[in-house]
Amino acid sequence: MSQAARLRDIQIIARRDGRVSVEALAAHFNVTLQTIRRDLGDLAEQGKLQRIHGGAILPSTVANIGYQDRRDLNDAAKAAIAQRCARDIPNGCSLFLNIGTTTEAVARALLAHRDIMVLTNNLNVANILVDNPNCEIIVVGGLLRRVDGGLVGTVTMQAIQQFKFDLAVISCSALDEDGDMLDYDIQEVGVSQTILKQARRSFLVADQSKFRRRAPACIGSLSNMDSFYTDAPLPEKLARSCEGWGTAVSIVDAGAP
């Protein structure tokens, strides 16, 4: 394998797992520890990774990874999370799905639901739900973010304020051990906060990679969410907090049929 291909695969592994170790990578690629250290050094110089003792982590950043990369990342886990979340969404309800590849997975899991109204600021969600003839779709307006089909900004928030819906299902870019839901885009954060204010109940859907990522803007706290759906046990501190807050946590097995 060429170094360029190896560097690409190292980044894929880092995005999936949040961190990489020298020893594990050396075994994975069947190369020396020195070779991996050099690879990680090169990636650190390019700003792609941040070196730590024994390996590297994703760098602290103010920019999200690309939409296509996000869509392909942990897709099996997102599908399993979405299926579990959809079980708790009743027929005959109104709900909001925000921007995110995991909420897009929830939309796919709702294709057999009946008599639902889905509001969204995500054009991808709307396009997915077109295939459900028993779903009324309302796309709120706003500034189109071309990279992922999201609608954001003041117009979007004002449109959302015209509604009161039964349920909000949101995703986030990162989740820290204090239970803060984080994102990269300040405008998107404002929209998510408005969504939560207009919802009678709220669910968070986020796979385990969000535990290891960092983002600068805070949407709010898991303490204000009714349920959280993910694919791995929570860090101990966060698990204790959720129990104290009364936030229900559902952990799915992404490998289950």
Protein backbone atom coordinates (compact mmCIF):
# COMPACT_ATOMS: atom_id res chain seq x y z
CA MET A 1 0.00 0.00 0.00
CA SER A 2 1.29 3.46 -0.87
CA GLN A 3 1.74 6.07 1.83
CA ALA A 4 -1.00 8.21 0.27
CA ALA A 5 -3.49 5.35 0.52
CA ARG A 6 -2.36 4.57 4.06
CA LEU A 7 -2.78 8.22 5.13
CA ARG A 8 -6.27 8.23 3.66
CA ASP A 9 -7.23 5.06 5.54
CA ILE A 10 -5.73 6.36 8.79
CA GLN A 11 -8.00 9.40 8.54
CA ILE A 12 -11.03 7.19 7.91
CA ILE A 13 -10.21 5.12 11.01
CA ALA A 14 -9.66 8.28 13.08
CA ARG A 15 -13.03 9.70 12.01
CA ARG A 16 -14.72 6.42 12.86
CA ASP A 17 -13.06 5.87 16.24
CA GLY A 18 -12.12 9.38 17.30
CA ARG A 19 -8.51 8.37 17.94
CA VAL A 20 -5.83 6.00 16.63
CA SER A 21 -2.89 4.27 18.27
CA VAL A 22 0.54 3.65 16.77
CA GLU A 23 0.58 -0.03 17.72
CA ALA A 24 -2.89 -0.78 16.39
CA LEU A 25 -2.20 0.98 13.10
CA ALA A 26 1.13 -0.78 12.67
CA ALA A 27 -0.61 -4.14 13.11
CA HIS A 28 -3.49 -3.13 10.84
CA PHE A 29 -1.22 -2.06 7.96
CA ASN A 30 1.56 -4.58 8.71
CA VAL A 31 4.22 -1.88 8.85
CA THR A 32 6.72 -0.76 11.46
CA LEU A 33 5.93 1.52 14.40
CA GLN A 34 8.39 4.03 12.94
CA THR A 35 6.45 4.13 9.67
CA ILE A 36 3.18 4.86 11.49
CA ARG A 37 4.80 7.53 13.64
CA ARG A 38 6.03 9.20 10.46
CA ASP A 39 2.55 8.94 8.93
CA LEU A 40 0.95 10.50 11.98
CA GLY A 41 3.54 13.23 11.98
CA ASP A 42 2.75 14.03 8.36
CA LEU A 43 -0.98 14.15 9.09
CA ALA A 44 -0.39 16.36 12.11
CA GLU A 45 1.64 18.79 9.99
CA GLN A 46 -1.27 18.94 7.53
CA GLY A 47 -3.67 19.69 10.37
CA LYS A 48 -5.59 16.46 9.80
CA LEU A 49 -4.76 14.88 13.18
CA GLN A 50 -3.41 15.98 16.54
CA ARG A 51 -0.57 13.90 18.00
CA ILE A 52 -0.93 12.49 21.51
CA HIS A 53 1.19 10.01 23.44
CA GLY A 54 0.99 6.66 21.64
CA GLY A 55 -1.14 7.87 18.75
CA ALA A 56 -3.32 10.71 17.52
CA ILE A 57 -6.81 12.18 17.83
CA LEU A 58 -9.03 14.29 15.64
CA PRO A 59 -7.99 17.91 15.98
CA SER A 60 -10.07 20.48 17.80
CA THR A 61 -11.78 22.30 14.98
CA VAL A 62 -14.44 24.82 14.12
CA ALA A 63 -15.33 23.05 10.86
CA ASN A 64 -17.32 19.87 10.38
CA ILE A 65 -16.14 17.06 8.10
CA GLY A 66 -17.69 16.88 4.64
CA TYR A 67 -21.30 15.80 4.16
CA GLN A 68 -20.46 12.71 2.08
CA ASP A 69 -17.90 11.60 4.67
CA ARG A 70 -20.49 12.10 7.43
CA ARG A 71 -23.12 10.14 5.52
CA ASP A 72 -20.77 7.17 5.08
CA LEU A 73 -19.46 7.28 8.65
CA ASN A 74 -21.00 4.62 10.94
CA ASP A 75 -23.94 4.16 8.57
CA ALA A 76 -24.94 0.81 10.08
CA ALA A 77 -25.02 2.32 13.56
CA LYS A 78 -27.10 5.26 12.34
CA ALA A 79 -29.60 2.91 10.72
CA ALA A 80 -29.92 0.87 13.92
CA ILE A 81 -30.32 4.02 16.02
CA ALA A 82 -32.96 5.30 13.62
CA GLN A 83 -34.95 2.06 13.72
CA ARG A 84 -34.96 2.08 17.52
CA CYS A 85 -35.99 5.73 17.65
CA ALA A 86 -38.77 5.18 15.11
CA ARG A 87 -40.30 2.56 17.41
CA ASP A 88 -40.99 5.34 19.91
CA ILE A 89 -42.56 7.65 17.32
CA PRO A 90 -46.29 6.93 17.18
CA ASN A 91 -48.52 7.06 14.15
CA GLY A 92 -50.68 10.15 14.00
CA CYS A 93 -48.13 12.57 15.47
CA SER A 94 -46.36 15.71 14.31
CA LEU A 95 -42.58 15.86 14.53
CA PHE A 96 -39.57 17.88 13.44
CA LEU A 97 -36.40 16.33 11.96
CA ASN A 98 -33.42 18.67 11.79
CA ILE A 99 -30.22 18.70 9.76
CA GLY A 100 -28.03 15.61 10.03
CA THR A 101 -27.24 12.27 8.48
CA THR A 102 -28.69 10.46 11.51
CA THR A 103 -32.00 12.30 11.25
CA GLU A 104 -32.00 11.36 7.58
CA ALA A 105 -31.74 7.73 8.73
CA VAL A 106 -34.73 8.36 11.02
CA ALA A 107 -36.68 9.64 8.00
CA ARG A 108 -35.96 6.35 6.20
CA ALA A 109 -37.16 4.47 9.29
CA LEU A 110 -40.47 6.36 9.13
CA LEU A 111 -41.44 5.27 5.63
CA ALA A 112 -44.02 2.81 6.96
CA HIS A 113 -45.52 5.20 9.53
CA ARG A 114 -49.06 6.42 8.97
CA ASP A 115 -50.80 9.76 9.39
CA ILE A 116 -47.72 11.68 10.46
CA MET A 117 -46.74 15.27 9.78
CA VAL A 118 -43.01 15.89 9.46
CA LEU A 119 -41.56 19.38 9.54
CA THR A 120 -37.94 19.75 8.54
CA ASN A 121 -35.20 22.17 7.59
CA ASN A 122 -33.40 19.36 5.79
CA LEU A 123 -34.14 18.95 2.08
CA ASN A 124 -32.72 15.41 2.17
CA VAL A 125 -35.28 14.42 4.82
CA ALA A 126 -38.09 15.83 2.68
CA ASN A 127 -36.88 13.92 -0.39
CA ILE A 128 -36.69 10.66 1.58
CA LEU A 129 -40.20 11.03 3.01
CA VAL A 130 -41.73 11.68 -0.42
CA ASP A 131 -41.91 7.87 -0.65
CA ASN A 132 -44.32 7.72 2.31
CA PRO A 133 -47.78 8.61 0.98
CA ASN A 134 -49.12 8.76 4.54
CA CYS A 135 -46.76 11.53 5.59
CA GLU A 136 -47.49 15.23 5.25
CA ILE A 137 -44.21 17.10 4.71
CA ILE A 138 -43.59 20.73 5.61
CA VAL A 139 -40.24 22.23 4.64
CA VAL A 140 -39.51 25.42 6.57
CA GLY A 141 -37.79 28.17 4.61
CA GLY A 142 -34.43 29.80 5.13
CA LEU A 143 -30.94 30.16 3.78
CA LEU A 144 -29.94 27.04 1.83
CA ARG A 145 -26.66 25.48 2.90
CA ARG A 146 -25.67 23.84 -0.37
CA VAL A 147 -23.14 21.41 1.10
CA ASP A 148 -25.82 19.32 2.85
CA GLY A 149 -29.26 20.62 1.88
CA GLY A 150 -29.84 22.30 5.25
CA LEU A 151 -31.92 25.45 5.74
CA VAL A 152 -30.66 27.82 8.41
CA GLY A 153 -30.83 31.40 9.60
CA THR A 154 -33.35 33.88 10.98
CA VAL A 155 -36.02 33.07 8.39
CA THR A 156 -35.87 29.40 9.39
CA MET A 157 -36.23 30.19 13.09
CA GLN A 158 -39.17 32.51 12.43
CA ALA A 159 -40.89 29.83 10.37
CA ILE A 160 -40.44 27.19 13.07
CA GLN A 161 -41.97 29.51 15.66
CA GLN A 162 -45.29 29.29 13.79
CA PHE A 163 -45.65 25.63 14.84
CA LYS A 164 -46.02 23.54 17.98
CA PHE A 165 -45.22 19.89 17.33
CA ASP A 166 -45.46 16.72 19.38
CA LEU A 167 -41.86 15.66 19.01
CA ALA A 168 -38.46 16.95 17.95
CA VAL A 169 -35.84 14.47 16.77
CA ILE A 170 -32.46 16.19 16.49
CA SER A 171 -28.84 15.22 16.00
CA CYS A 172 -25.67 17.05 16.92
CA SER A 173 -22.03 17.10 15.81
CA ALA A 174 -20.50 16.38 19.21
CA LEU A 175 -21.50 15.49 22.76
CA ASP A 176 -19.22 16.19 25.71
CA GLU A 177 -19.04 14.36 29.03
CA ASP A 178 -21.07 17.11 30.73
CA GLY A 179 -23.99 16.31 28.45
CA ASP A 180 -23.74 19.41 26.29
CA MET A 181 -24.92 18.90 22.69
CA LEU A 182 -22.52 20.73 20.38
CA ASP A 183 -22.35 21.86 16.78
CA TYR A 184 -20.11 23.79 14.39
CA ASP A 185 -22.49 26.21 12.69
CA ILE A 186 -23.82 29.01 14.91
CA GLN A 187 -26.82 29.50 12.62
CA GLU A 188 -27.68 25.81 12.81
CA VAL A 189 -27.41 25.92 16.60
CA GLY A 190 -29.96 28.73 16.75
CA VAL A 191 -32.34 26.72 14.59
CA SER A 192 -31.94 23.61 16.77
CA GLN A 193 -32.63 25.63 19.90
CA THR A 194 -35.81 27.00 18.32
CA ILE A 195 -36.90 23.48 17.34
CA LEU A 196 -36.53 22.28 20.93
CA LYS A 197 -38.53 25.24 22.28
CA GLN A 198 -41.46 24.40 20.00
CA ALA A 199 -41.55 20.67 20.80
CA ARG A 200 -43.59 18.95 23.49
CA ARG A 201 -41.02 16.12 23.72
CA SER A 202 -37.49 15.83 22.36
CA PHE A 203 -35.20 12.99 21.28
CA LEU A 204 -31.47 13.06 20.50
CA VAL A 205 -30.04 10.58 17.98
CA ALA A 206 -26.23 10.38 17.91
CA ASP A 207 -23.76 7.55 17.32
CA GLN A 208 -20.74 6.91 19.51
CA SER A 209 -18.35 8.92 17.34
CA LYS A 210 -20.00 12.07 18.74
CA PHE A 211 -18.59 11.21 22.20
CA ARG A 212 -15.06 11.73 20.83
CA ARG A 213 -15.56 14.88 18.76
CA ARG A 214 -15.40 18.51 19.78
CA ALA A 215 -17.34 21.47 18.43
CA PRO A 216 -17.47 25.10 19.62
CA ALA A 217 -21.19 25.97 19.80
CA CYS A 218 -23.64 24.62 22.39
CA ILE A 219 -27.19 23.66 21.42
CA GLY A 220 -28.24 22.74 24.94
CA SER A 221 -28.03 19.97 27.51
CA LEU A 222 -29.12 16.36 27.47
CA SER A 223 -30.78 17.18 30.78
CA ASN A 224 -33.58 18.79 28.77
CA MET A 225 -34.06 15.83 26.41
CA ASP A 226 -36.60 13.09 27.01
CA SER A 227 -34.65 10.32 25.28
CA PHE A 228 -31.21 9.66 23.81
CA TYR A 229 -30.56 6.94 21.22
CA THR A 230 -26.99 5.78 20.56
CA ASP A 231 -24.94 2.69 19.77
CA ALA A 232 -22.48 2.38 22.67
CA PRO A 233 -22.53 2.70 26.46
CA LEU A 234 -22.16 6.29 27.59
CA PRO A 235 -19.05 7.46 29.43
CA GLU A 236 -19.59 6.74 33.12
CA LYS A 237 -20.00 10.37 34.17
CA LEU A 238 -22.54 11.07 31.44
CA ALA A 239 -24.48 7.88 32.17
CA ARG A 240 -24.83 8.90 35.82
CA SER A 241 -25.95 12.37 34.79
CA CYS A 242 -28.62 11.05 32.43
CA GLU A 243 -29.97 8.82 35.18
CA GLY A 244 -30.20 11.82 37.51
CA TRP A 245 -31.83 14.00 34.86
CA GLY A 246 -34.39 11.38 33.94
CA THR A 247 -33.17 11.27 30.34
CA ALA A 248 -33.95 7.80 28.98
CA VAL A 249 -30.99 6.20 27.17
CA SER A 250 -31.47 3.51 24.52
CA ILE A 251 -28.32 1.71 23.36
CA VAL A 252 -28.68 -0.27 20.14
CA ASP A 253 -26.56 -3.08 18.74
CA ALA A 254 -25.52 -1.96 15.27
CA GLY A 255 -24.66 -5.55 14.38
CA ALA A 256 -28.09 -6.95 15.24
CA PRO A 257 -30.30 -8.05 12.34
